[in-house]
Amino acid sequence: MIDVGKEKPSFNFNTYVVEKANFVNKALDDAVSVKNPPMIHEAMRYSLLVGGKRVGPMLCIAACEVVGDNQSAALPTACVVEMIHTMSLIHDNLDFSKHSDVQFVI
């Protein structure tokens, strides 16, 4: 029998997404600090920390929480997902490789 008198715990999706994005942003900030040579690390930080929805890391953390673990267990993987996503965006925007007459084979 269903008890209609009990209220379900509320879940606010927007709040959840913002909380996870902030959690991942803090971890990314800690993971990519400015070191020598500073110009390279500053460029890396700019590309990675410029903002975004952090959907990939949020889904990674959510999957971890669904199976009963906490977000800290998924944090390293969530950060890697965002780092790879950022790298792919940068790589896609490298015009020299799209319009070159010379193809590089590795």
PDB file of N, CA and C in Angstrom:
ATOM      1  N   MET A   1       0.838  -1.169   0.000  1.00  0.00           N
ATOM      2  CA  MET A   1       0.000   0.000   0.000  1.00  0.00           C
ATOM      3  C   MET A   1       0.888   1.238   0.000  1.00  0.00           C
ATOM      4  N   ILE A   2       0.487   2.221  -0.744  1.00  0.00           N
ATOM      5  CA  ILE A   2       1.251   3.453  -0.860  1.00  0.00           C
ATOM      6  C   ILE A   2       0.759   4.455   0.170  1.00  0.00           C
ATOM      7  N   ASP A   3       1.681   4.990   0.930  1.00  0.00           N
ATOM      8  CA  ASP A   3       1.343   5.994   1.928  1.00  0.00           C
ATOM      9  C   ASP A   3       1.478   7.370   1.278  1.00  0.00           C
ATOM     10  N   VAL A   4       0.358   7.989   0.981  1.00  0.00           N
ATOM     11  CA  VAL A   4       0.377   9.278   0.303  1.00  0.00           C
ATOM     12  C   VAL A   4       0.659  10.421   1.265  1.00  0.00           C
ATOM     13  N   GLY A   5       0.668  10.153   2.532  1.00  0.00           N
ATOM     14  CA  GLY A   5       0.906  11.196   3.523  1.00  0.00           C
ATOM     15  C   GLY A   5       2.369  11.584   3.648  1.00  0.00           C
ATOM     16  N   LYS A   6       3.280  10.703   3.216  1.00  0.00           N
ATOM     17  CA  LYS A   6       4.707  11.006   3.331  1.00  0.00           C
ATOM     18  C   LYS A   6       5.165  11.849   2.145  1.00  0.00           C
ATOM     19  N   GLU A   7       5.965  12.837   2.459  1.00  0.00           N
ATOM     20  CA  GLU A   7       6.538  13.642   1.389  1.00  0.00           C
ATOM     21  C   GLU A   7       7.887  13.066   0.988  1.00  0.00           C
ATOM     22  N   LYS A   8       8.126  13.092  -0.307  1.00  0.00           N
ATOM     23  CA  LYS A   8       9.424  12.653  -0.800  1.00  0.00           C
ATOM     24  C   LYS A   8      10.452  13.738  -0.509  1.00  0.00           C
ATOM     25  N   PRO A   9      11.673  13.326  -0.227  1.00  0.00           N
ATOM     26  CA  PRO A   9      12.701  14.350  -0.061  1.00  0.00           C
ATOM     27  C   PRO A   9      12.857  15.126  -1.370  1.00  0.00           C
ATOM     28  N   SER A  10      12.973  16.417  -1.263  1.00  0.00           N
ATOM     29  CA  SER A  10      13.056  17.225  -2.479  1.00  0.00           C
ATOM     30  C   SER A  10      14.469  17.168  -3.056  1.00  0.00           C
ATOM     31  N   PHE A  11      14.519  17.231  -4.362  1.00  0.00           N
ATOM     32  CA  PHE A  11      15.789  17.245  -5.074  1.00  0.00           C
ATOM     33  C   PHE A  11      15.756  18.416  -6.038  1.00  0.00           C
ATOM     34  N   ASN A  12      16.680  19.336  -5.855  1.00  0.00           N
ATOM     35  CA  ASN A  12      16.756  20.493  -6.730  1.00  0.00           C
ATOM     36  C   ASN A  12      17.920  20.277  -7.689  1.00  0.00           C
ATOM     37  N   PHE A  13      17.592  19.986  -8.936  1.00  0.00           N
ATOM     38  CA  PHE A  13      18.620  19.680  -9.934  1.00  0.00           C
ATOM     39  C   PHE A  13      19.580  20.848 -10.138  1.00  0.00           C
ATOM     40  N   ASN A  14      19.061  22.063 -10.218  1.00  0.00           N
ATOM     41  CA  ASN A  14      19.921  23.229 -10.441  1.00  0.00           C
ATOM     42  C   ASN A  14      20.923  23.411  -9.305  1.00  0.00           C
ATOM     43  N   THR A  15      20.466  23.225  -8.089  1.00  0.00           N
ATOM     44  CA  THR A  15      21.361  23.334  -6.935  1.00  0.00           C
ATOM     45  C   THR A  15      22.418  22.242  -6.985  1.00  0.00           C
ATOM     46  N   TYR A  16      22.006  21.032  -7.334  1.00  0.00           N
ATOM     47  CA  TYR A  16      22.936  19.908  -7.430  1.00  0.00           C
ATOM     48  C   TYR A  16      24.040  20.204  -8.449  1.00  0.00           C
ATOM     49  N   VAL A  17      23.656  20.698  -9.623  1.00  0.00           N
ATOM     50  CA  VAL A  17      24.624  20.978 -10.687  1.00  0.00           C
ATOM     51  C   VAL A  17      25.603  22.062 -10.249  1.00  0.00           C
ATOM     52  N   VAL A  18      25.108  23.106  -9.623  1.00  0.00           N
ATOM     53  CA  VAL A  18      25.979  24.196  -9.162  1.00  0.00           C
ATOM     54  C   VAL A  18      26.942  23.700  -8.086  1.00  0.00           C
ATOM     55  N   GLU A  19      26.445  22.906  -7.148  1.00  0.00           N
ATOM     56  CA  GLU A  19      27.305  22.374  -6.084  1.00  0.00           C
ATOM     57  C   GLU A  19      28.415  21.498  -6.658  1.00  0.00           C
ATOM     58  N   LYS A  20      28.071  20.630  -7.589  1.00  0.00           N
ATOM     59  CA  LYS A  20      29.084  19.738  -8.177  1.00  0.00           C
ATOM     60  C   LYS A  20      30.077  20.534  -9.016  1.00  0.00           C
ATOM     61  N   ALA A  21      29.607  21.527  -9.762  1.00  0.00           N
ATOM     62  CA  ALA A  21      30.510  22.356 -10.566  1.00  0.00           C
ATOM     63  C   ALA A  21      31.489  23.099  -9.660  1.00  0.00           C
ATOM     64  N   ASN A  22      31.005  23.647  -8.564  1.00  0.00           N
ATOM     65  CA  ASN A  22      31.892  24.347  -7.623  1.00  0.00           C
ATOM     66  C   ASN A  22      32.909  23.399  -7.006  1.00  0.00           C
ATOM     67  N   PHE A  23      32.475  22.194  -6.678  1.00  0.00           N
ATOM     68  CA  PHE A  23      33.365  21.182  -6.100  1.00  0.00           C
ATOM     69  C   PHE A  23      34.476  20.816  -7.088  1.00  0.00           C
ATOM     70  N   VAL A  24      34.098  20.616  -8.351  1.00  0.00           N
ATOM     71  CA  VAL A  24      35.074  20.272  -9.390  1.00  0.00           C
ATOM     72  C   VAL A  24      35.980  21.460  -9.686  1.00  0.00           C
ATOM     73  N   ASN A  25      35.429  22.662  -9.745  1.00  0.00           N
ATOM     74  CA  ASN A  25      36.255  23.843 -10.006  1.00  0.00           C
ATOM     75  C   ASN A  25      37.342  24.014  -8.951  1.00  0.00           C
ATOM     76  N   LYS A  26      36.996  23.802  -7.699  1.00  0.00           N
ATOM     77  CA  LYS A  26      37.981  23.908  -6.610  1.00  0.00           C
ATOM     78  C   LYS A  26      39.066  22.849  -6.787  1.00  0.00           C
ATOM     79  N   ALA A  27      38.670  21.633  -7.118  1.00  0.00           N
ATOM     80  CA  ALA A  27      39.646  20.552  -7.303  1.00  0.00           C
ATOM     81  C   ALA A  27      40.555  20.825  -8.502  1.00  0.00           C
ATOM     82  N   LEU A  28      39.990  21.350  -9.594  1.00  0.00           N
ATOM     83  CA  LEU A  28      40.807  21.681 -10.768  1.00  0.00           C
ATOM     84  C   LEU A  28      41.779  22.808 -10.450  1.00  0.00           C
ATOM     85  N   ASP A  29      41.313  23.783  -9.698  1.00  0.00           N
ATOM     86  CA  ASP A  29      42.176  24.894  -9.293  1.00  0.00           C
ATOM     87  C   ASP A  29      43.356  24.382  -8.470  1.00  0.00           C
ATOM     88  N   ASP A  30      43.086  23.447  -7.573  1.00  0.00           N
ATOM     89  CA  ASP A  30      44.148  22.852  -6.747  1.00  0.00           C
ATOM     90  C   ASP A  30      45.085  21.974  -7.575  1.00  0.00           C
ATOM     91  N   ALA A  31      44.538  21.292  -8.579  1.00  0.00           N
ATOM     92  CA  ALA A  31      45.324  20.335  -9.362  1.00  0.00           C
ATOM     93  C   ALA A  31      46.296  21.006 -10.321  1.00  0.00           C
ATOM     94  N   VAL A  32      45.928  22.175 -10.835  1.00  0.00           N
ATOM     95  CA  VAL A  32      46.754  22.846 -11.833  1.00  0.00           C
ATOM     96  C   VAL A  32      47.191  24.192 -11.267  1.00  0.00           C
ATOM     97  N   SER A  33      48.222  24.149 -10.448  1.00  0.00           N
ATOM     98  CA  SER A  33      48.740  25.383  -9.870  1.00  0.00           C
ATOM     99  C   SER A  33      49.812  25.972 -10.787  1.00  0.00           C
ATOM    100  N   VAL A  34      50.138  27.229 -10.552  1.00  0.00           N
ATOM    101  CA  VAL A  34      51.153  27.891 -11.366  1.00  0.00           C
ATOM    102  C   VAL A  34      52.529  27.430 -10.893  1.00  0.00           C
ATOM    103  N   LYS A  35      53.273  26.837 -11.807  1.00  0.00           N
ATOM    104  CA  LYS A  35      54.625  26.356 -11.537  1.00  0.00           C
ATOM    105  C   LYS A  35      55.523  26.862 -12.645  1.00  0.00           C
ATOM    106  N   ASN A  36      56.757  26.437 -12.647  1.00  0.00           N
ATOM    107  CA  ASN A  36      57.676  26.830 -13.719  1.00  0.00           C
ATOM    108  C   ASN A  36      57.512  25.905 -14.909  1.00  0.00           C
ATOM    109  N   PRO A  37      57.479  26.383 -16.099  1.00  0.00           N
ATOM    110  CA  PRO A  37      57.444  27.791 -16.504  1.00  0.00           C
ATOM    111  C   PRO A  37      56.041  28.364 -16.325  1.00  0.00           C
ATOM    112  N   PRO A  38      55.936  29.530 -15.691  1.00  0.00           N
ATOM    113  CA  PRO A  38      54.623  30.079 -15.351  1.00  0.00           C
ATOM    114  C   PRO A  38      53.737  30.361 -16.561  1.00  0.00           C
ATOM    115  N   MET A  39      54.312  30.746 -17.697  1.00  0.00           N
ATOM    116  CA  MET A  39      53.484  31.079 -18.858  1.00  0.00           C
ATOM    117  C   MET A  39      52.662  29.870 -19.320  1.00  0.00           C
ATOM    118  N   ILE A  40      53.263  28.712 -19.328  1.00  0.00           N
ATOM    119  CA  ILE A  40      52.555  27.497 -19.748  1.00  0.00           C
ATOM    120  C   ILE A  40      51.463  27.141 -18.741  1.00  0.00           C
ATOM    121  N   HIS A  41      51.784  27.191 -17.474  1.00  0.00           N
ATOM    122  CA  HIS A  41      50.811  26.834 -16.453  1.00  0.00           C
ATOM    123  C   HIS A  41      49.668  27.843 -16.383  1.00  0.00           C
ATOM    124  N   GLU A  42      49.959  29.111 -16.617  1.00  0.00           N
ATOM    125  CA  GLU A  42      48.889  30.110 -16.643  1.00  0.00           C
ATOM    126  C   GLU A  42      47.956  29.864 -17.822  1.00  0.00           C
ATOM    127  N   ALA A  43      48.520  29.491 -18.970  1.00  0.00           N
ATOM    128  CA  ALA A  43      47.687  29.176 -20.140  1.00  0.00           C
ATOM    129  C   ALA A  43      46.829  27.940 -19.872  1.00  0.00           C
ATOM    130  N   MET A  44      47.421  26.938 -19.235  1.00  0.00           N
ATOM    131  CA  MET A  44      46.657  25.739 -18.886  1.00  0.00           C
ATOM    132  C   MET A  44      45.506  26.086 -17.943  1.00  0.00           C
ATOM    133  N   ARG A  45      45.810  26.886 -16.936  1.00  0.00           N
ATOM    134  CA  ARG A  45      44.784  27.279 -15.966  1.00  0.00           C
ATOM    135  C   ARG A  45      43.672  28.090 -16.633  1.00  0.00           C
ATOM    136  N   TYR A  46      44.060  28.998 -17.528  1.00  0.00           N
ATOM    137  CA  TYR A  46      43.058  29.804 -18.211  1.00  0.00           C
ATOM    138  C   TYR A  46      42.096  28.913 -19.003  1.00  0.00           C
ATOM    139  N   SER A  47      42.652  27.990 -19.755  1.00  0.00           N
ATOM    140  CA  SER A  47      41.817  27.110 -20.581  1.00  0.00           C
ATOM    141  C   SER A  47      40.923  26.217 -19.732  1.00  0.00           C
ATOM    142  N   LEU A  48      41.459  25.729 -18.652  1.00  0.00           N
ATOM    143  CA  LEU A  48      40.724  24.772 -17.823  1.00  0.00           C
ATOM    144  C   LEU A  48      39.724  25.436 -16.885  1.00  0.00           C
ATOM    145  N   LEU A  49      40.069  26.611 -16.385  1.00  0.00           N
ATOM    146  CA  LEU A  49      39.257  27.230 -15.337  1.00  0.00           C
ATOM    147  C   LEU A  49      38.385  28.373 -15.840  1.00  0.00           C
ATOM    148  N   VAL A  50      38.323  28.567 -17.153  1.00  0.00           N
ATOM    149  CA  VAL A  50      37.570  29.688 -17.706  1.00  0.00           C
ATOM    150  C   VAL A  50      36.073  29.577 -17.414  1.00  0.00           C
ATOM    151  N   GLY A  51      35.623  28.433 -17.067  1.00  0.00           N
ATOM    152  CA  GLY A  51      34.211  28.253 -16.732  1.00  0.00           C
ATOM    153  C   GLY A  51      33.604  27.141 -17.561  1.00  0.00           C
ATOM    154  N   GLY A  52      32.374  26.884 -17.324  1.00  0.00           N
ATOM    155  CA  GLY A  52      31.677  25.839 -18.049  1.00  0.00           C
ATOM    156  C   GLY A  52      30.691  25.140 -17.144  1.00  0.00           C
ATOM    157  N   LYS A  53      29.914  24.298 -17.744  1.00  0.00           N
ATOM    158  CA  LYS A  53      28.858  23.616 -17.000  1.00  0.00           C
ATOM    159  C   LYS A  53      29.376  22.423 -16.206  1.00  0.00           C
ATOM    160  N   ARG A  54      30.497  21.867 -16.627  1.00  0.00           N
ATOM    161  CA  ARG A  54      31.082  20.695 -15.954  1.00  0.00           C
ATOM    162  C   ARG A  54      30.131  19.505 -15.959  1.00  0.00           C
ATOM    163  N   VAL A  55      29.479  19.293 -17.098  1.00  0.00           N
ATOM    164  CA  VAL A  55      28.498  18.203 -17.211  1.00  0.00           C
ATOM    165  C   VAL A  55      29.180  16.841 -17.072  1.00  0.00           C
ATOM    166  N   GLY A  56      30.301  16.639 -17.746  1.00  0.00           N
ATOM    167  CA  GLY A  56      31.002  15.357 -17.653  1.00  0.00           C
ATOM    168  C   GLY A  56      31.394  15.002 -16.233  1.00  0.00           C
ATOM    169  N   PRO A  57      32.083  15.914 -15.533  1.00  0.00           N
ATOM    170  CA  PRO A  57      32.437  15.616 -14.143  1.00  0.00           C
ATOM    171  C   PRO A  57      31.209  15.421 -13.246  1.00  0.00           C
ATOM    172  N   MET A  58      30.155  16.201 -13.492  1.00  0.00           N
ATOM    173  CA  MET A  58      28.946  16.064 -12.689  1.00  0.00           C
ATOM    174  C   MET A  58      28.332  14.678 -12.876  1.00  0.00           C
ATOM    175  N   LEU A  59      28.306  14.191 -14.120  1.00  0.00           N
ATOM    176  CA  LEU A  59      27.774  12.850 -14.377  1.00  0.00           C
ATOM    177  C   LEU A  59      28.652  11.770 -13.742  1.00  0.00           C
ATOM    178  N   CYS A  60      29.944  11.979 -13.759  1.00  0.00           N
ATOM    179  CA  CYS A  60      30.873  11.041 -13.128  1.00  0.00           C
ATOM    180  C   CYS A  60      30.606  10.958 -11.620  1.00  0.00           C
ATOM    181  N   ILE A  61      30.454  12.116 -10.995  1.00  0.00           N
ATOM    182  CA  ILE A  61      30.176  12.153  -9.556  1.00  0.00           C
ATOM    183  C   ILE A  61      28.806  11.561  -9.256  1.00  0.00           C
ATOM    184  N   ALA A  62      27.809  11.888 -10.077  1.00  0.00           N
ATOM    185  CA  ALA A  62      26.458  11.356  -9.866  1.00  0.00           C
ATOM    186  C   ALA A  62      26.449   9.832  -9.963  1.00  0.00           C
ATOM    187  N   ALA A  63      27.186   9.290 -10.933  1.00  0.00           N
ATOM    188  CA  ALA A  63      27.257   7.828 -11.072  1.00  0.00           C
ATOM    189  C   ALA A  63      27.872   7.202  -9.825  1.00  0.00           C
ATOM    190  N   CYS A  64      28.871   7.832  -9.283  1.00  0.00           N
ATOM    191  CA  CYS A  64      29.508   7.336  -8.067  1.00  0.00           C
ATOM    192  C   CYS A  64      28.529   7.373  -6.889  1.00  0.00           C
ATOM    193  N   GLU A  65      27.784   8.458  -6.789  1.00  0.00           N
ATOM    194  CA  GLU A  65      26.820   8.587  -5.697  1.00  0.00           C
ATOM    195  C   GLU A  65      25.670   7.585  -5.830  1.00  0.00           C
ATOM    196  N   VAL A  66      25.274   7.274  -7.046  1.00  0.00           N
ATOM    197  CA  VAL A  66      24.179   6.320  -7.262  1.00  0.00           C
ATOM    198  C   VAL A  66      24.524   4.939  -6.714  1.00  0.00           C
ATOM    199  N   VAL A  67      25.802   4.564  -6.820  1.00  0.00           N
ATOM    200  CA  VAL A  67      26.196   3.244  -6.328  1.00  0.00           C
ATOM    201  C   VAL A  67      26.619   3.269  -4.863  1.00  0.00           C
ATOM    202  N   GLY A  68      26.398   4.419  -4.202  1.00  0.00           N
ATOM    203  CA  GLY A  68      26.575   4.463  -2.763  1.00  0.00           C
ATOM    204  C   GLY A  68      27.866   5.055  -2.249  1.00  0.00           C
ATOM    205  N   ASP A  69      28.713   5.559  -3.106  1.00  0.00           N
ATOM    206  CA  ASP A  69      29.954   6.166  -2.635  1.00  0.00           C
ATOM    207  C   ASP A  69      29.772   7.681  -2.580  1.00  0.00           C
ATOM    208  N   ASN A  70      30.767   8.376  -2.038  1.00  0.00           N
ATOM    209  CA  ASN A  70      30.651   9.830  -1.960  1.00  0.00           C
ATOM    210  C   ASN A  70      31.445  10.497  -3.087  1.00  0.00           C
ATOM    211  N   GLN A  71      31.220  11.780  -3.260  1.00  0.00           N
ATOM    212  CA  GLN A  71      31.802  12.496  -4.386  1.00  0.00           C
ATOM    213  C   GLN A  71      33.327  12.539  -4.352  1.00  0.00           C
ATOM    214  N   SER A  72      33.913  12.454  -3.199  1.00  0.00           N
ATOM    215  CA  SER A  72      35.377  12.495  -3.113  1.00  0.00           C
ATOM    216  C   SER A  72      36.023  11.302  -3.806  1.00  0.00           C
ATOM    217  N   ALA A  73      35.345  10.178  -3.823  1.00  0.00           N
ATOM    218  CA  ALA A  73      35.884   8.984  -4.476  1.00  0.00           C
ATOM    219  C   ALA A  73      35.956   9.168  -5.984  1.00  0.00           C
ATOM    220  N   ALA A  74      35.044   9.954  -6.541  1.00  0.00           N
ATOM    221  CA  ALA A  74      34.995  10.162  -7.990  1.00  0.00           C
ATOM    222  C   ALA A  74      35.762  11.389  -8.442  1.00  0.00           C
ATOM    223  N   LEU A  75      36.232  12.192  -7.512  1.00  0.00           N
ATOM    224  CA  LEU A  75      36.828  13.477  -7.869  1.00  0.00           C
ATOM    225  C   LEU A  75      38.017  13.380  -8.821  1.00  0.00           C
ATOM    226  N   PRO A  76      38.989  12.493  -8.595  1.00  0.00           N
ATOM    227  CA  PRO A  76      40.103  12.416  -9.554  1.00  0.00           C
ATOM    228  C   PRO A  76      39.638  12.086 -10.974  1.00  0.00           C
ATOM    229  N   THR A  77      38.728  11.149 -11.099  1.00  0.00           N
ATOM    230  CA  THR A  77      38.210  10.782 -12.420  1.00  0.00           C
ATOM    231  C   THR A  77      37.406  11.925 -13.016  1.00  0.00           C
ATOM    232  N   ALA A  78      36.611  12.602 -12.210  1.00  0.00           N
ATOM    233  CA  ALA A  78      35.818  13.732 -12.685  1.00  0.00           C
ATOM    234  C   ALA A  78      36.730  14.842 -13.224  1.00  0.00           C
ATOM    235  N   CYS A  79      37.834  15.089 -12.545  1.00  0.00           N
ATOM    236  CA  CYS A  79      38.780  16.112 -13.003  1.00  0.00           C
ATOM    237  C   CYS A  79      39.432  15.697 -14.325  1.00  0.00           C
ATOM    238  N   VAL A  80      39.786  14.443 -14.445  1.00  0.00           N
ATOM    239  CA  VAL A  80      40.392  13.955 -15.686  1.00  0.00           C
ATOM    240  C   VAL A  80      39.407  14.082 -16.847  1.00  0.00           C
ATOM    241  N   VAL A  81      38.140  13.785 -16.601  1.00  0.00           N
ATOM    242  CA  VAL A  81      37.120  13.937 -17.645  1.00  0.00           C
ATOM    243  C   VAL A  81      37.104  15.383 -18.140  1.00  0.00           C
ATOM    244  N   GLU A  82      37.143  16.338 -17.223  1.00  0.00           N
ATOM    245  CA  GLU A  82      37.120  17.751 -17.618  1.00  0.00           C
ATOM    246  C   GLU A  82      38.419  18.157 -18.312  1.00  0.00           C
ATOM    247  N   MET A  83      39.546  17.645 -17.859  1.00  0.00           N
ATOM    248  CA  MET A  83      40.824  17.968 -18.500  1.00  0.00           C
ATOM    249  C   MET A  83      40.866  17.446 -19.939  1.00  0.00           C
ATOM    250  N   ILE A  84      40.391  16.240 -20.149  1.00  0.00           N
ATOM    251  CA  ILE A  84      40.364  15.673 -21.504  1.00  0.00           C
ATOM    252  C   ILE A  84      39.387  16.445 -22.382  1.00  0.00           C
ATOM    253  N   HIS A  85      38.263  16.825 -21.833  1.00  0.00           N
ATOM    254  CA  HIS A  85      37.290  17.618 -22.588  1.00  0.00           C
ATOM    255  C   HIS A  85      37.901  18.961 -23.013  1.00  0.00           C
ATOM    256  N   THR A  86      38.580  19.624 -22.105  1.00  0.00           N
ATOM    257  CA  THR A  86      39.223  20.906 -22.414  1.00  0.00           C
ATOM    258  C   THR A  86      40.292  20.724 -23.474  1.00  0.00           C
ATOM    259  N   MET A  87      41.098  19.667 -23.352  1.00  0.00           N
ATOM    260  CA  MET A  87      42.135  19.398 -24.349  1.00  0.00           C
ATOM    261  C   MET A  87      41.513  19.175 -25.722  1.00  0.00           C
ATOM    262  N   SER A  88      40.396  18.480 -25.771  1.00  0.00           N
ATOM    263  CA  SER A  88      39.764  18.211 -27.066  1.00  0.00           C
ATOM    264  C   SER A  88      39.230  19.494 -27.694  1.00  0.00           C
ATOM    265  N   LEU A  89      38.734  20.412 -26.885  1.00  0.00           N
ATOM    266  CA  LEU A  89      38.267  21.694 -27.416  1.00  0.00           C
ATOM    267  C   LEU A  89      39.426  22.503 -27.992  1.00  0.00           C
ATOM    268  N   ILE A  90      40.556  22.496 -27.290  1.00  0.00           N
ATOM    269  CA  ILE A  90      41.739  23.222 -27.779  1.00  0.00           C
ATOM    270  C   ILE A  90      42.243  22.575 -29.058  1.00  0.00           C
ATOM    271  N   HIS A  91      42.335  21.268 -29.060  1.00  0.00           N
ATOM    272  CA  HIS A  91      42.846  20.542 -30.220  1.00  0.00           C
ATOM    273  C   HIS A  91      41.980  20.784 -31.449  1.00  0.00           C
ATOM    274  N   ASP A  92      40.668  20.813 -31.273  1.00  0.00           N
ATOM    275  CA  ASP A  92      39.755  21.057 -32.394  1.00  0.00           C
ATOM    276  C   ASP A  92      39.924  22.446 -32.992  1.00  0.00           C
ATOM    277  N   ASN A  93      40.433  23.384 -32.208  1.00  0.00           N
ATOM    278  CA  ASN A  93      40.581  24.761 -32.680  1.00  0.00           C
ATOM    279  C   ASN A  93      41.959  25.061 -33.255  1.00  0.00           C
ATOM    280  N   LEU A  94      42.810  24.075 -33.360  1.00  0.00           N
ATOM    281  CA  LEU A  94      44.140  24.292 -33.947  1.00  0.00           C
ATOM    282  C   LEU A  94      44.016  24.268 -35.468  1.00  0.00           C
ATOM    283  N   ASP A  95      43.905  25.426 -36.060  1.00  0.00           N
ATOM    284  CA  ASP A  95      43.676  25.528 -37.504  1.00  0.00           C
ATOM    285  C   ASP A  95      44.835  25.032 -38.350  1.00  0.00           C
ATOM    286  N   PHE A  96      46.055  25.142 -37.836  1.00  0.00           N
ATOM    287  CA  PHE A  96      47.184  24.751 -38.668  1.00  0.00           C
ATOM    288  C   PHE A  96      47.098  23.299 -39.105  1.00  0.00           C
ATOM    289  N   SER A  97      46.511  22.464 -38.311  1.00  0.00           N
ATOM    290  CA  SER A  97      46.432  21.051 -38.674  1.00  0.00           C
ATOM    291  C   SER A  97      45.292  20.764 -39.656  1.00  0.00           C
ATOM    292  N   LYS A  98      44.297  21.649 -39.721  1.00  0.00           N
ATOM    293  CA  LYS A  98      43.163  21.426 -40.603  1.00  0.00           C
ATOM    294  C   LYS A  98      43.454  21.863 -42.036  1.00  0.00           C
ATOM    295  N   HIS A  99      44.278  22.906 -42.193  1.00  0.00           N
ATOM    296  CA  HIS A  99      44.459  23.511 -43.505  1.00  0.00           C
ATOM    297  C   HIS A  99      45.877  23.355 -44.037  1.00  0.00           C
ATOM    298  N   SER A 100      46.611  22.464 -43.461  1.00  0.00           N
ATOM    299  CA  SER A 100      48.000  22.293 -43.879  1.00  0.00           C
ATOM    300  C   SER A 100      48.094  21.386 -45.107  1.00  0.00           C
ATOM    301  N   ASP A 101      49.014  21.751 -45.993  1.00  0.00           N
ATOM    302  CA  ASP A 101      49.291  20.897 -47.143  1.00  0.00           C
ATOM    303  C   ASP A 101      50.145  19.704 -46.742  1.00  0.00           C
ATOM    304  N   VAL A 102      50.825  19.843 -45.620  1.00  0.00           N
ATOM    305  CA  VAL A 102      51.700  18.774 -45.126  1.00  0.00           C
ATOM    306  C   VAL A 102      50.968  18.035 -44.026  1.00  0.00           C
ATOM    307  N   GLN A 103      50.869  16.742 -44.163  1.00  0.00           N
ATOM    308  CA  GLN A 103      50.253  15.915 -43.133  1.00  0.00           C
ATOM    309  C   GLN A 103      51.346  15.268 -42.298  1.00  0.00           C
ATOM    310  N   PHE A 104      51.216  15.370 -41.003  1.00  0.00           N
ATOM    311  CA  PHE A 104      52.196  14.787 -40.117  1.00  0.00           C
ATOM    312  C   PHE A 104      51.721  13.393 -39.714  1.00  0.00           C
ATOM    313  N   VAL A 105      52.599  12.445 -39.832  1.00  0.00           N
ATOM    314  CA  VAL A 105      52.275  11.085 -39.440  1.00  0.00           C
ATOM    315  C   VAL A 105      53.166  10.712 -38.271  1.00  0.00           C
ATOM    316  N   ILE A 106      52.527  10.252 -37.219  1.00  0.00           N
ATOM    317  CA  ILE A 106      53.301   9.861 -36.041  1.00  0.00           C
ATOM    318  C   ILE A 106      53.235   8.362 -35.907  1.00  0.00           C
TER     319      ILE A 106
END
